[in-house]
Structures are given as structure tokens and as C-alpha cells.
């Protein structure tokens, strides 16, 4: 695996690691050779079957060219999007707080929210939604009374436990590994 922060990794992979020409070249050459051979035999024999084979070979060649060039175009667009996303990620990760104490009349910015916080909040939101769904599953099963499926209830409780553990790990402070402390406001 390569780091997202390494700007040379994607350029090196695009130049040397994976080449569309190395994959498409031999296949296209085989189809082109088949087409040329079919045309030569059809011209020499002046046979209807030879011309039908030549037309079929031509359509296979045209289809292969269309697929190869479509994939190349899509790969270029995806590469451009990846480079754009990587540069945005790199600039966001390397950006420090932009304000200083002088800008705020003697106050100093202690913490500035960044994109990593946004991603963490989205993950936490997803975890809370999972817990809500599993609670609803448990309530539905409990409402069935004696016909309730205990395995479903146990799986839902296990999912809640795993999700809560993962969410708590996301909340831990980055420095000392202890849970974040603060006041809960209702």
C-alpha cells in the first residue's frame, strides 16, 4: 500500500506500474492481424464466406478499439479526479491554523476544526444510526412476546456493543489515548 500523502506514488504508478497500452496492444494486434489475413484470403479467393469472415473480423476489431479507447478515456478522467482529491487531501492535512493571537486582539485559537473532524463526525453519526436501527430490531422482537427470536435479539445486542466500542475508540483523544472529557449539555 502507498501513502496518500506521497505525491510521487500516483505519478510513478501511472507511468510505470500499469500501462493500458501493454494490455491492449497485443489484443488489438491479434485482431488487426486476423482482419488483414481475412481480407487477403477473401481477396485472393473472391469467396463470399471469406468476405463475411473479413466483415466479422472488422467488427470485432472496431469493438475492441472502442472498448480500449473508452477505458483509456475513463482511466484518464479517474486519474485526474484522483489527483485532484489527493491534492485536496494533502493541502487539507498539511494546513495549520491560519489565525494568530494578533488577529483576535490577544486571544489565541486553541483548536480549529478540520476535514478529519468532519469525517470522524460522519462515522460517529453512522454508528449512532446503526445503534438506533438495532434498538428498533430488539424492540420489534420483544413486542412479539414468546414468539420472539432470541438469536435476532442477541445479534442486535452484539452489533450495538461492537458499534459502541468502535465509536468510543473514535472519540478518544489523539494524544494520551484516554476518553475525551467534558460537559454533556441536554
N, C-alpha and C. Protein backbone atom coordinates (compact mmCIF):
# COMPACT_ATOMS: atom_id res chain seq x y z
N UNK A 1 0.84 -1.18 0.00
CA UNK A 1 0.00 0.00 0.00
C UNK A 1 0.88 1.23 0.00
N UNK A 2 0.38 2.28 -0.63
CA UNK A 2 1.14 3.52 -0.69
C UNK A 2 0.39 4.59 0.07
N UNK A 3 1.14 5.51 0.60
CA UNK A 3 0.57 6.60 1.36
C UNK A 3 -0.11 7.58 0.44
N UNK A 4 -1.23 8.13 0.91
CA UNK A 4 -1.91 9.16 0.13
C UNK A 4 -1.10 10.45 0.11
N UNK A 5 -0.29 10.64 1.11
CA UNK A 5 0.47 11.86 1.21
C UNK A 5 1.68 11.92 0.29
N UNK A 6 2.05 10.81 -0.36
CA UNK A 6 3.22 10.79 -1.22
C UNK A 6 2.83 11.20 -2.63
N UNK A 7 3.20 12.42 -3.06
CA UNK A 7 2.77 12.89 -4.37
C UNK A 7 3.40 12.13 -5.53
N UNK A 8 4.54 11.47 -5.33
CA UNK A 8 5.20 10.77 -6.43
C UNK A 8 4.61 9.40 -6.68
N UNK A 9 3.87 8.85 -5.71
CA UNK A 9 3.38 7.47 -5.84
C UNK A 9 2.39 7.33 -6.97
N UNK A 10 1.44 8.25 -7.13
CA UNK A 10 0.44 8.11 -8.18
C UNK A 10 1.05 8.38 -9.55
N UNK A 11 1.98 9.30 -9.63
CA UNK A 11 2.62 9.58 -10.92
C UNK A 11 3.46 8.39 -11.36
N UNK A 12 4.19 7.76 -10.41
CA UNK A 12 5.01 6.61 -10.75
C UNK A 12 4.14 5.44 -11.17
N UNK A 13 3.03 5.22 -10.48
CA UNK A 13 2.13 4.13 -10.84
C UNK A 13 1.52 4.36 -12.21
N UNK A 14 1.19 5.61 -12.53
CA UNK A 14 0.60 5.90 -13.83
C UNK A 14 1.61 5.73 -14.95
N UNK A 15 2.90 6.02 -14.69
CA UNK A 15 3.92 5.91 -15.74
C UNK A 15 4.40 4.49 -15.92
N UNK A 16 4.76 3.82 -14.82
CA UNK A 16 5.45 2.56 -14.98
C UNK A 16 4.68 1.34 -14.54
N UNK A 17 3.83 1.44 -13.55
CA UNK A 17 3.18 0.28 -12.99
C UNK A 17 2.12 -0.32 -13.90
N UNK A 18 1.18 0.45 -14.33
CA UNK A 18 0.05 -0.05 -15.10
C UNK A 18 -0.03 0.73 -16.40
N UNK A 19 0.09 0.04 -17.49
CA UNK A 19 0.01 0.71 -18.79
C UNK A 19 -1.09 0.08 -19.61
N UNK A 20 -2.03 0.90 -20.02
CA UNK A 20 -3.14 0.41 -20.83
C UNK A 20 -2.63 -0.12 -22.16
N UNK A 21 -1.54 0.49 -22.70
CA UNK A 21 -1.02 0.05 -23.99
C UNK A 21 -0.47 -1.36 -23.89
N UNK A 22 0.18 -1.70 -22.77
CA UNK A 22 0.72 -3.05 -22.62
C UNK A 22 -0.38 -4.09 -22.60
N UNK A 23 -1.53 -3.74 -22.11
CA UNK A 23 -2.63 -4.69 -22.05
C UNK A 23 -3.37 -4.72 -23.38
N UNK A 24 -3.65 -3.57 -23.95
CA UNK A 24 -4.48 -3.51 -25.15
C UNK A 24 -3.69 -3.77 -26.43
N UNK A 25 -2.41 -3.49 -26.44
CA UNK A 25 -1.62 -3.62 -27.66
C UNK A 25 -1.63 -5.00 -28.27
N UNK A 26 -1.27 -6.05 -27.54
CA UNK A 26 -1.27 -7.40 -28.13
C UNK A 26 -2.65 -7.85 -28.61
N UNK A 27 -3.67 -7.54 -27.84
CA UNK A 27 -5.02 -7.94 -28.24
C UNK A 27 -5.46 -7.27 -29.52
N UNK A 28 -5.18 -5.98 -29.61
CA UNK A 28 -5.53 -5.26 -30.84
C UNK A 28 -4.71 -5.76 -32.03
N UNK A 29 -3.45 -6.10 -31.78
CA UNK A 29 -2.62 -6.59 -32.87
C UNK A 29 -3.13 -7.94 -33.39
N UNK A 30 -3.58 -8.79 -32.49
CA UNK A 30 -4.13 -10.08 -32.91
C UNK A 30 -5.39 -9.86 -33.76
N UNK A 31 -6.26 -8.96 -33.30
CA UNK A 31 -7.48 -8.69 -34.08
C UNK A 31 -7.15 -8.03 -35.41
N UNK A 32 -6.19 -7.13 -35.44
CA UNK A 32 -5.80 -6.48 -36.69
C UNK A 32 -5.20 -7.51 -37.65
N UNK A 33 -4.37 -8.40 -37.13
CA UNK A 33 -3.79 -9.46 -37.97
C UNK A 33 -4.88 -10.37 -38.52
N UNK A 34 -5.83 -10.74 -37.69
CA UNK A 34 -6.94 -11.58 -38.16
C UNK A 34 -7.73 -10.88 -39.25
N UNK A 35 -7.94 -9.58 -39.09
CA UNK A 35 -8.68 -8.83 -40.10
C UNK A 35 -7.90 -8.77 -41.42
N UNK A 36 -6.62 -8.47 -41.34
CA UNK A 36 -5.79 -8.37 -42.56
C UNK A 36 -5.72 -9.72 -43.26
N UNK A 37 -5.51 -10.80 -42.50
CA UNK A 37 -5.46 -12.14 -43.10
C UNK A 37 -6.80 -12.48 -43.74
N UNK A 38 -7.90 -12.15 -43.09
CA UNK A 38 -9.23 -12.44 -43.65
C UNK A 38 -9.45 -11.66 -44.94
N UNK A 39 -9.02 -10.41 -44.99
CA UNK A 39 -9.18 -9.60 -46.20
C UNK A 39 -8.32 -10.16 -47.32
N UNK A 40 -7.10 -10.55 -47.01
CA UNK A 40 -6.20 -11.10 -48.05
C UNK A 40 -6.77 -12.39 -48.61
N UNK A 41 -7.20 -13.30 -47.72
CA UNK A 41 -7.78 -14.55 -48.20
C UNK A 41 -9.06 -14.31 -48.99
N UNK A 42 -9.87 -13.36 -48.52
CA UNK A 42 -11.12 -13.08 -49.23
C UNK A 42 -10.83 -12.49 -50.60
N UNK A 43 -9.82 -11.63 -50.70
CA UNK A 43 -9.48 -11.02 -51.99
C UNK A 43 -8.89 -12.06 -52.94
N UNK A 44 -8.04 -12.95 -52.43
CA UNK A 44 -7.43 -13.97 -53.27
C UNK A 44 -8.45 -15.01 -53.74
N UNK A 45 -9.32 -15.42 -52.86
CA UNK A 45 -10.28 -16.46 -53.19
C UNK A 45 -11.52 -15.89 -53.88
N UNK A 46 -11.80 -14.60 -53.63
CA UNK A 46 -13.00 -13.95 -54.13
C UNK A 46 -14.22 -14.79 -53.77
N UNK A 47 -14.27 -15.15 -52.47
CA UNK A 47 -15.31 -16.03 -51.98
C UNK A 47 -16.19 -15.23 -51.01
N UNK A 48 -17.49 -15.49 -51.01
CA UNK A 48 -18.43 -14.78 -50.15
C UNK A 48 -18.14 -15.09 -48.68
N UNK A 49 -17.82 -16.32 -48.38
CA UNK A 49 -17.54 -16.70 -47.00
C UNK A 49 -16.31 -15.95 -46.49
N UNK A 50 -15.30 -15.78 -47.32
CA UNK A 50 -14.10 -15.03 -46.93
C UNK A 50 -14.42 -13.58 -46.61
N UNK A 51 -15.31 -12.97 -47.42
CA UNK A 51 -15.68 -11.58 -47.15
C UNK A 51 -16.54 -11.48 -45.89
N UNK A 52 -17.37 -12.46 -45.62
CA UNK A 52 -18.16 -12.47 -44.39
C UNK A 52 -17.23 -12.56 -43.18
N UNK A 53 -16.23 -13.43 -43.27
CA UNK A 53 -15.25 -13.54 -42.18
C UNK A 53 -14.49 -12.23 -42.02
N UNK A 54 -14.15 -11.57 -43.13
CA UNK A 54 -13.44 -10.28 -43.06
C UNK A 54 -14.30 -9.22 -42.39
N UNK A 55 -15.60 -9.20 -42.71
CA UNK A 55 -16.51 -8.22 -42.09
C UNK A 55 -16.63 -8.51 -40.59
N UNK A 56 -16.77 -9.78 -40.22
CA UNK A 56 -16.86 -10.13 -38.80
C UNK A 56 -15.58 -9.74 -38.07
N UNK A 57 -14.43 -10.01 -38.68
CA UNK A 57 -13.15 -9.62 -38.06
C UNK A 57 -13.06 -8.11 -37.91
N UNK A 58 -13.57 -7.37 -38.92
CA UNK A 58 -13.56 -5.91 -38.83
C UNK A 58 -14.43 -5.42 -37.67
N UNK A 59 -15.61 -6.01 -37.49
CA UNK A 59 -16.48 -5.58 -36.40
C UNK A 59 -15.86 -5.91 -35.04
N UNK A 60 -15.20 -7.05 -34.90
CA UNK A 60 -14.51 -7.38 -33.66
C UNK A 60 -13.38 -6.38 -33.39
N UNK A 61 -12.67 -6.02 -34.44
CA UNK A 61 -11.59 -5.04 -34.30
C UNK A 61 -12.14 -3.69 -33.88
N UNK A 62 -13.24 -3.26 -34.53
CA UNK A 62 -13.86 -1.98 -34.18
C UNK A 62 -14.37 -1.99 -32.74
N UNK A 63 -14.98 -3.10 -32.32
CA UNK A 63 -15.46 -3.20 -30.94
C UNK A 63 -14.31 -3.14 -29.94
N UNK A 64 -13.23 -3.85 -30.23
CA UNK A 64 -12.07 -3.84 -29.33
C UNK A 64 -11.47 -2.44 -29.24
N UNK A 65 -11.36 -1.75 -30.37
CA UNK A 65 -10.82 -0.38 -30.35
C UNK A 65 -11.72 0.54 -29.52
N UNK A 66 -13.03 0.40 -29.72
CA UNK A 66 -13.97 1.23 -28.95
C UNK A 66 -13.80 0.99 -27.45
N UNK A 67 -13.71 -0.27 -27.04
CA UNK A 67 -13.58 -0.60 -25.63
C UNK A 67 -12.25 -0.07 -25.08
N UNK A 68 -11.17 -0.29 -25.80
CA UNK A 68 -9.86 0.16 -25.31
C UNK A 68 -9.82 1.67 -25.16
N UNK A 69 -10.30 2.39 -26.18
CA UNK A 69 -10.22 3.84 -26.10
C UNK A 69 -11.21 4.41 -25.08
N UNK A 70 -12.34 3.74 -24.87
CA UNK A 70 -13.27 4.18 -23.83
C UNK A 70 -12.66 3.99 -22.45
N UNK A 71 -12.00 2.86 -22.25
CA UNK A 71 -11.37 2.60 -20.95
C UNK A 71 -10.22 3.58 -20.72
N UNK A 72 -9.46 3.88 -21.75
CA UNK A 72 -8.37 4.86 -21.60
C UNK A 72 -8.91 6.22 -21.20
N UNK A 73 -9.99 6.64 -21.85
CA UNK A 73 -10.58 7.94 -21.55
C UNK A 73 -11.10 7.96 -20.11
N UNK A 74 -11.79 6.89 -19.70
CA UNK A 74 -12.29 6.81 -18.33
C UNK A 74 -11.14 6.77 -17.33
N UNK A 75 -10.07 6.06 -17.66
CA UNK A 75 -8.92 5.99 -16.76
C UNK A 75 -8.26 7.35 -16.60
N UNK A 76 -8.17 8.10 -17.69
CA UNK A 76 -7.60 9.45 -17.59
C UNK A 76 -8.45 10.35 -16.70
N UNK A 77 -9.78 10.26 -16.89
CA UNK A 77 -10.67 11.08 -16.05
C UNK A 77 -10.57 10.67 -14.59
N UNK A 78 -10.54 9.35 -14.34
CA UNK A 78 -10.42 8.88 -12.96
C UNK A 78 -9.08 9.29 -12.36
N UNK A 79 -8.02 9.23 -13.16
CA UNK A 79 -6.71 9.67 -12.68
C UNK A 79 -6.69 11.14 -12.33
N UNK A 80 -7.37 11.94 -13.16
CA UNK A 80 -7.43 13.37 -12.88
C UNK A 80 -8.22 13.63 -11.60
N UNK A 81 -9.32 12.92 -11.42
CA UNK A 81 -10.12 13.08 -10.20
C UNK A 81 -9.33 12.63 -8.97
N UNK A 82 -8.61 11.53 -9.12
CA UNK A 82 -7.79 11.03 -8.01
C UNK A 82 -6.70 12.03 -7.65
N UNK A 83 -6.05 12.59 -8.66
CA UNK A 83 -5.01 13.59 -8.40
C UNK A 83 -5.59 14.81 -7.72
N UNK A 84 -6.78 15.22 -8.18
CA UNK A 84 -7.43 16.38 -7.59
C UNK A 84 -7.80 16.11 -6.13
N UNK A 85 -8.35 14.93 -5.86
CA UNK A 85 -8.72 14.57 -4.49
C UNK A 85 -7.48 14.43 -3.61
N UNK A 86 -6.42 13.86 -4.18
CA UNK A 86 -5.19 13.69 -3.41
C UNK A 86 -4.57 15.04 -3.07
N UNK A 87 -4.58 15.96 -4.02
CA UNK A 87 -4.01 17.28 -3.72
C UNK A 87 -4.87 18.02 -2.71
N UNK A 88 -6.19 17.86 -2.78
CA UNK A 88 -7.06 18.49 -1.79
C UNK A 88 -6.82 17.89 -0.41
N UNK A 89 -6.65 16.57 -0.36
CA UNK A 89 -6.37 15.92 0.91
C UNK A 89 -5.03 16.37 1.48
N UNK A 90 -4.03 16.42 0.62
CA UNK A 90 -2.70 16.82 1.06
C UNK A 90 -2.71 18.26 1.58
N UNK A 91 -3.37 19.15 0.87
CA UNK A 91 -3.40 20.54 1.31
C UNK A 91 -4.20 20.69 2.59
N UNK A 92 -5.26 19.89 2.75
CA UNK A 92 -6.06 19.97 3.98
C UNK A 92 -5.30 19.38 5.16
N UNK A 93 -4.59 18.29 4.94
CA UNK A 93 -3.86 17.65 6.04
C UNK A 93 -2.66 18.47 6.46
N UNK A 94 -2.04 19.16 5.53
CA UNK A 94 -0.85 19.93 5.85
C UNK A 94 -1.13 21.34 6.33
N UNK A 95 -2.38 21.74 6.28
CA UNK A 95 -2.74 23.11 6.64
C UNK A 95 -2.82 23.24 8.15
N UNK A 96 -2.16 24.24 8.68
CA UNK A 96 -2.24 24.51 10.11
C UNK A 96 -3.24 25.61 10.38
N UNK A 97 -3.42 25.96 11.62
CA UNK A 97 -4.33 27.07 11.93
C UNK A 97 -3.85 28.35 11.26
N UNK A 98 -4.77 29.05 10.62
CA UNK A 98 -4.39 30.21 9.84
C UNK A 98 -4.44 31.51 10.63
N UNK A 99 -5.00 31.47 11.81
CA UNK A 99 -5.12 32.71 12.56
C UNK A 99 -4.10 32.74 13.68
N UNK A 100 -3.72 33.93 14.05
CA UNK A 100 -2.75 34.07 15.14
C UNK A 100 -3.38 34.87 16.27
N UNK A 101 -2.66 34.99 17.35
CA UNK A 101 -3.17 35.71 18.51
C UNK A 101 -3.37 37.19 18.19
N UNK A 102 -2.54 37.73 17.30
CA UNK A 102 -2.66 39.15 16.95
C UNK A 102 -3.95 39.42 16.18
N UNK A 103 -4.42 38.45 15.40
CA UNK A 103 -5.63 38.64 14.61
C UNK A 103 -6.88 38.73 15.48
N UNK A 104 -6.85 38.17 16.68
CA UNK A 104 -8.03 38.12 17.52
C UNK A 104 -7.92 39.03 18.73
N UNK A 105 -7.08 40.05 18.66
CA UNK A 105 -6.98 41.01 19.75
C UNK A 105 -6.48 40.38 21.04
N UNK A 106 -5.49 39.52 20.97
CA UNK A 106 -4.92 38.93 22.17
C UNK A 106 -5.42 37.53 22.46
N UNK A 107 -6.48 37.08 21.80
CA UNK A 107 -6.94 35.71 22.03
C UNK A 107 -6.22 34.77 21.07
N UNK A 108 -6.09 33.55 21.46
CA UNK A 108 -5.39 32.58 20.64
C UNK A 108 -6.35 31.43 20.32
N UNK A 109 -6.33 31.00 19.06
CA UNK A 109 -7.16 29.88 18.65
C UNK A 109 -6.54 28.61 19.20
N UNK A 110 -7.28 27.89 20.03
CA UNK A 110 -6.77 26.67 20.63
C UNK A 110 -7.00 25.48 19.71
N UNK A 111 -8.13 25.46 19.04
CA UNK A 111 -8.45 24.31 18.19
C UNK A 111 -9.24 24.80 16.98
N UNK A 112 -8.82 24.37 15.84
CA UNK A 112 -9.53 24.70 14.61
C UNK A 112 -10.03 23.41 13.98
N UNK A 113 -11.29 23.38 13.65
CA UNK A 113 -11.92 22.18 13.08
C UNK A 113 -11.39 21.94 11.67
N UNK A 114 -11.08 20.67 11.35
CA UNK A 114 -10.56 20.35 10.03
C UNK A 114 -11.39 19.24 9.40
N UNK A 115 -10.98 18.78 8.22
CA UNK A 115 -11.74 17.76 7.49
C UNK A 115 -11.72 16.41 8.19
N UNK A 116 -10.66 16.12 8.93
CA UNK A 116 -10.61 14.85 9.67
C UNK A 116 -11.71 14.82 10.72
N UNK A 117 -11.99 15.97 11.33
CA UNK A 117 -13.08 16.04 12.31
C UNK A 117 -14.43 15.79 11.62
N UNK A 118 -14.59 16.32 10.42
CA UNK A 118 -15.83 16.10 9.68
C UNK A 118 -16.03 14.62 9.37
N UNK A 119 -14.95 13.95 8.94
CA UNK A 119 -15.04 12.53 8.63
C UNK A 119 -15.37 11.73 9.89
N UNK A 120 -14.71 12.06 10.99
CA UNK A 120 -14.97 11.37 12.25
C UNK A 120 -16.42 11.57 12.67
N UNK A 121 -16.94 12.79 12.52
CA UNK A 121 -18.33 13.06 12.89
C UNK A 121 -19.30 12.27 12.02
N UNK A 122 -18.98 12.12 10.73
CA UNK A 122 -19.83 11.32 9.85
C UNK A 122 -19.82 9.85 10.29
N UNK A 123 -18.64 9.35 10.65
CA UNK A 123 -18.55 7.96 11.12
C UNK A 123 -19.33 7.78 12.42
N UNK A 124 -19.21 8.74 13.33
CA UNK A 124 -19.95 8.65 14.58
C UNK A 124 -21.46 8.70 14.33
N UNK A 125 -21.88 9.57 13.43
CA UNK A 125 -23.30 9.66 13.08
C UNK A 125 -23.79 8.33 12.54
N UNK A 126 -22.98 7.71 11.69
CA UNK A 126 -23.34 6.40 11.14
C UNK A 126 -23.44 5.36 12.25
N UNK A 127 -22.51 5.41 13.20
CA UNK A 127 -22.54 4.47 14.32
C UNK A 127 -23.82 4.64 15.14
N UNK A 128 -24.20 5.88 15.39
CA UNK A 128 -25.42 6.13 16.16
C UNK A 128 -26.66 5.64 15.40
N UNK A 129 -26.66 5.79 14.10
CA UNK A 129 -27.78 5.29 13.30
C UNK A 129 -27.87 3.76 13.37
N UNK A 130 -26.70 3.10 13.34
CA UNK A 130 -26.69 1.64 13.47
C UNK A 130 -27.28 1.23 14.81
N UNK A 131 -26.88 1.92 15.87
CA UNK A 131 -27.40 1.60 17.20
C UNK A 131 -28.92 1.80 17.22
N UNK A 132 -29.41 2.89 16.63
CA UNK A 132 -30.85 3.13 16.61
C UNK A 132 -31.60 2.03 15.87
N UNK A 133 -31.06 1.59 14.75
CA UNK A 133 -31.71 0.51 13.99
C UNK A 133 -31.74 -0.77 14.80
N UNK A 134 -30.63 -1.10 15.45
CA UNK A 134 -30.57 -2.33 16.23
C UNK A 134 -31.50 -2.27 17.44
N UNK A 135 -31.65 -1.11 18.04
CA UNK A 135 -32.60 -0.95 19.16
C UNK A 135 -34.02 -1.20 18.65
N UNK A 136 -34.33 -0.70 17.47
CA UNK A 136 -35.64 -0.92 16.88
C UNK A 136 -35.86 -2.42 16.62
N UNK A 137 -34.83 -3.13 16.17
CA UNK A 137 -34.93 -4.57 15.94
C UNK A 137 -35.23 -5.29 17.26
N UNK A 138 -34.52 -4.92 18.32
CA UNK A 138 -34.74 -5.55 19.63
C UNK A 138 -36.17 -5.27 20.10
N UNK A 139 -36.64 -4.04 19.97
CA UNK A 139 -37.99 -3.69 20.41
C UNK A 139 -39.04 -4.46 19.63
N UNK A 140 -38.83 -4.61 18.31
CA UNK A 140 -39.79 -5.35 17.49
C UNK A 140 -39.84 -6.82 17.91
N UNK A 141 -38.68 -7.39 18.18
CA UNK A 141 -38.65 -8.79 18.60
C UNK A 141 -39.27 -8.96 19.99
N UNK A 142 -39.00 -8.05 20.90
CA UNK A 142 -39.57 -8.13 22.24
C UNK A 142 -41.08 -7.97 22.21
N UNK A 143 -41.58 -7.20 21.24
CA UNK A 143 -43.03 -6.99 21.12
C UNK A 143 -43.74 -8.28 20.70
N UNK A 144 -43.03 -9.21 20.11
CA UNK A 144 -43.63 -10.47 19.68
C UNK A 144 -43.91 -11.40 20.86
N UNK A 145 -43.35 -11.09 21.99
CA UNK A 145 -43.60 -11.89 23.18
C UNK A 145 -42.86 -13.21 23.13
N UNK A 146 -43.60 -14.31 23.32
CA UNK A 146 -43.00 -15.64 23.37
C UNK A 146 -42.47 -16.07 22.00
N UNK A 147 -43.00 -15.47 20.93
CA UNK A 147 -42.56 -15.84 19.58
C UNK A 147 -41.30 -15.10 19.15
N UNK A 148 -40.71 -14.34 20.04
CA UNK A 148 -39.52 -13.55 19.70
C UNK A 148 -38.34 -14.47 19.41
N UNK A 149 -37.54 -14.08 18.45
CA UNK A 149 -36.35 -14.83 18.06
C UNK A 149 -35.18 -14.33 18.90
N UNK A 150 -34.74 -15.15 19.84
CA UNK A 150 -33.66 -14.74 20.75
C UNK A 150 -32.33 -14.56 20.01
N UNK A 151 -32.13 -15.33 18.95
CA UNK A 151 -30.89 -15.16 18.17
C UNK A 151 -30.83 -13.78 17.54
N UNK A 152 -31.96 -13.30 17.03
CA UNK A 152 -32.01 -11.96 16.44
C UNK A 152 -31.72 -10.91 17.49
N UNK A 153 -32.30 -11.08 18.66
CA UNK A 153 -32.06 -10.12 19.75
C UNK A 153 -30.59 -10.15 20.16
N UNK A 154 -30.02 -11.34 20.29
CA UNK A 154 -28.61 -11.45 20.68
C UNK A 154 -27.69 -10.83 19.63
N UNK A 155 -27.97 -11.07 18.34
CA UNK A 155 -27.15 -10.46 17.27
C UNK A 155 -27.26 -8.95 17.30
N UNK A 156 -28.46 -8.44 17.53
CA UNK A 156 -28.65 -6.98 17.59
C UNK A 156 -27.88 -6.38 18.76
N UNK A 157 -27.94 -7.05 19.92
CA UNK A 157 -27.20 -6.55 21.09
C UNK A 157 -25.69 -6.62 20.87
N UNK A 158 -25.24 -7.67 20.20
CA UNK A 158 -23.81 -7.79 19.89
C UNK A 158 -23.38 -6.68 18.93
N UNK A 159 -24.23 -6.38 17.94
CA UNK A 159 -23.92 -5.30 17.00
C UNK A 159 -23.87 -3.96 17.71
N UNK A 160 -24.79 -3.74 18.64
CA UNK A 160 -24.77 -2.49 19.43
C UNK A 160 -23.48 -2.39 20.23
N UNK A 161 -23.06 -3.50 20.84
CA UNK A 161 -21.83 -3.49 21.64
C UNK A 161 -20.61 -3.18 20.77
N UNK A 162 -20.50 -3.83 19.62
CA UNK A 162 -19.35 -3.61 18.73
C UNK A 162 -19.35 -2.18 18.21
N UNK A 163 -20.52 -1.69 17.80
CA UNK A 163 -20.61 -0.33 17.27
C UNK A 163 -20.27 0.70 18.33
N UNK A 164 -20.75 0.49 19.55
CA UNK A 164 -20.44 1.42 20.64
C UNK A 164 -18.95 1.43 20.95
N UNK A 165 -18.33 0.26 20.93
CA UNK A 165 -16.88 0.18 21.18
C UNK A 165 -16.10 0.92 20.10
N UNK A 166 -16.48 0.71 18.86
CA UNK A 166 -15.81 1.41 17.76
C UNK A 166 -16.02 2.91 17.85
N UNK A 167 -17.22 3.33 18.21
CA UNK A 167 -17.50 4.77 18.32
C UNK A 167 -16.69 5.39 19.46
N UNK A 168 -16.59 4.68 20.58
CA UNK A 168 -15.80 5.21 21.69
C UNK A 168 -14.34 5.34 21.31
N UNK A 169 -13.83 4.39 20.51
CA UNK A 169 -12.44 4.48 20.06
C UNK A 169 -12.23 5.69 19.17
N UNK A 170 -13.24 6.07 18.40
CA UNK A 170 -13.12 7.26 17.55
C UNK A 170 -13.11 8.54 18.37
N UNK A 171 -13.76 8.51 19.53
CA UNK A 171 -13.88 9.72 20.35
C UNK A 171 -12.64 9.95 21.19
N UNK A 172 -11.84 8.93 21.43
CA UNK A 172 -10.67 9.08 22.31
C UNK A 172 -9.77 10.21 21.83
N UNK A 173 -9.16 10.88 22.78
CA UNK A 173 -8.23 11.96 22.46
C UNK A 173 -7.05 11.42 21.69
N UNK A 174 -6.53 12.22 20.79
CA UNK A 174 -5.42 11.77 19.96
C UNK A 174 -4.11 11.69 20.73
N UNK A 175 -3.96 12.43 21.77
CA UNK A 175 -2.67 12.48 22.45
C UNK A 175 -2.43 11.35 23.43
N UNK A 176 -3.29 11.20 24.44
CA UNK A 176 -2.99 10.28 25.51
C UNK A 176 -3.79 8.98 25.47
N UNK A 177 -4.73 8.84 24.57
CA UNK A 177 -5.49 7.61 24.45
C UNK A 177 -6.62 7.46 25.45
N UNK A 178 -6.85 8.49 26.28
CA UNK A 178 -7.94 8.43 27.25
C UNK A 178 -9.19 9.06 26.62
N UNK A 179 -10.37 8.67 27.14
CA UNK A 179 -11.60 9.25 26.58
C UNK A 179 -11.64 10.76 26.75
N UNK A 180 -12.34 11.40 25.85
CA UNK A 180 -12.50 12.85 25.90
C UNK A 180 -13.36 13.19 27.11
N UNK A 181 -13.00 14.24 27.83
CA UNK A 181 -13.79 14.68 28.98
C UNK A 181 -14.48 15.97 28.63
N UNK A 182 -15.57 16.23 29.29
CA UNK A 182 -16.31 17.46 29.04
C UNK A 182 -17.66 17.41 29.70
N UNK A 183 -18.48 18.41 29.42
CA UNK A 183 -19.81 18.53 29.99
C UNK A 183 -20.84 18.20 28.92
N UNK A 184 -21.78 17.34 29.26
CA UNK A 184 -22.87 17.00 28.35
C UNK A 184 -23.97 18.01 28.55
N UNK A 185 -24.38 18.63 27.46
CA UNK A 185 -25.44 19.64 27.52
C UNK A 185 -26.68 19.05 26.88
N UNK A 186 -27.77 19.01 27.64
CA UNK A 186 -29.04 18.48 27.11
C UNK A 186 -29.87 19.59 26.52
